[in-house]
Amino acid sequence: MDVCLIGLGRMGAPMAATLAAKGFAVRAWTRTERPDMRRDARITLLPTAEAAVAGADAVILMLSDGNATEELLFGRKLAQAIGKEAIVIDMATIGPNAARDHAARLAKLGLRYIDAPVSGGVKGAEAGTLTIFAGGGREDFAAATPFLAALGTPHHLGPVGAGQTAKLANQIMVAIYIGAVAEGLHFAEAQGLDASALVGALQGGFADSAILRQHGAKMAARSFAPGGTCRLHLKDLDLAFDLIAPEQPRLHLGEAIRERFRALVAAGQSEADHSAYFLTYGA
């Protein structure tokens, strides 16, 4: 089966490699040239997006945000170049409103669509172990499942937009977990404990989590090379808060975490890993 992947960033590049390793014929296009992908003989890197989508059974979008997706699909009219038998799978985090809008506009062109944002980061993309939150019709989800299952574990959560909503809930939780780990490690260091030793000691207890093991280790080492960036996590939190109606309950923890991420981005840490939240304690 031929699959086209649009966007070879930190997540898209390992996702393309994983699809190729699972036996798919992968073609790709990216706005920013990546010579390392060009050297991967399993992936056909094409000079235009239109050439990349031609004849593909699935078109996977992994762009930075909804505006980038909007511009490519409808501003540049890439949607009109996608074959009617293909399914469009947007795996970026663009928010449920954008997903529903894109689905409706693609449907007018006779194209199927699901939103399928992911959790698991670069490591999950490399290993093919991503958690995938999918929204769309059941038949469309079934059509997309062979591609999604190659990348991780897909969960069908409802109609178009449900996957995006689930991803935003995930991002709220992840942000709060990062905040909790940062606060605990800051407290421990202030009392004279070694943060690295504490991260190891906490594993297996109630405070253990993937966030503790991966991001706690980064905090202890003051090493914030990007996986998921502060800028993109703030973007996701902003998308979530834009959905909250005035009559709905406030997200008190989420509000506090979001403002710290906003300050971190304003301080020049936009491309640092989101574990750099630890720096908001002056570490």
Foldseek 3Di string as FASTA:
>chain_A
DEEEEEACDLQRVLLQVLLLVVPYQYEYEYPDDDVVSVPPPSYHYDDDLLVRQAPGQEYEYADLELVVVCCVCPVVVSLLSHDLNHAYEYQYQHAQVSQVVVQVVSVVVNHHYKYWHWDDWSVLSNVLAIEIEIAADPVSCVSCVVSNSSNHDYDYQYHRRRRNLVVLVVLLVLLLLLVVLLVVLVVCVVVPDQQVVVLVVCPPDPNDDPCSNPLSNCLSVVNFQAGDFLQSSLVSLVSNVVPDDPVDDDPVSSVVSSVLSVVCVVVPRRRTYSSCSSCSVVD
